[in-house]
Amino acid sequence: MAGTKKTAADAVETKTAALAPDADKKEAAKTSKGKTAVKKTETRVKKPDAPLKETKAPAKRTVKPEKPVKGAVYVQFAGKEFSEKDLTEAVTKAYEALGNKVSDIKTLDIYVKPEENTAYYAVNGEGSAEYKIEL
């Protein structure tokens, strides 16, 4: 056996591997150099007698959104009356008359100034001096 030397640690590992299962509980064996050899231990998992039951998560309850209250907004001044619907239609016609497309409107804000008999509007958050209608 030329070239292969067995060290004391190799001998201890060989011995511990050959020991009975009761040897797992014994302390580590000391080598001739005073070092402690580390044993490899196996952990055993006890198998349950009965298979585990899968539990289902409780069903999620969906909350139905409340129906919005239907209503209308009316502006009354100087013997005149305008509804939100009337103002929206008038503003979209005025916006289209300026050469714009109605399909481009994503948001529409209308500001009614009764003292001036005028309604100003902003389309998609942008206003202009041209964006007004006479009431």
Foldseek 3Di string as FASTA:
>chain_A
DPPDDDDQLNVQQVVLVPDDLVCVPDAFDATPVRDGHDYDDDDDDDDDPDDDDDDDDDDDDDDDDDDDDDDWDWDDDPRDIDIPVRVVVVQLVLVVVVVDDSVQADDKDWADDVVQQKIAMAGPNHGDPSRMDHD
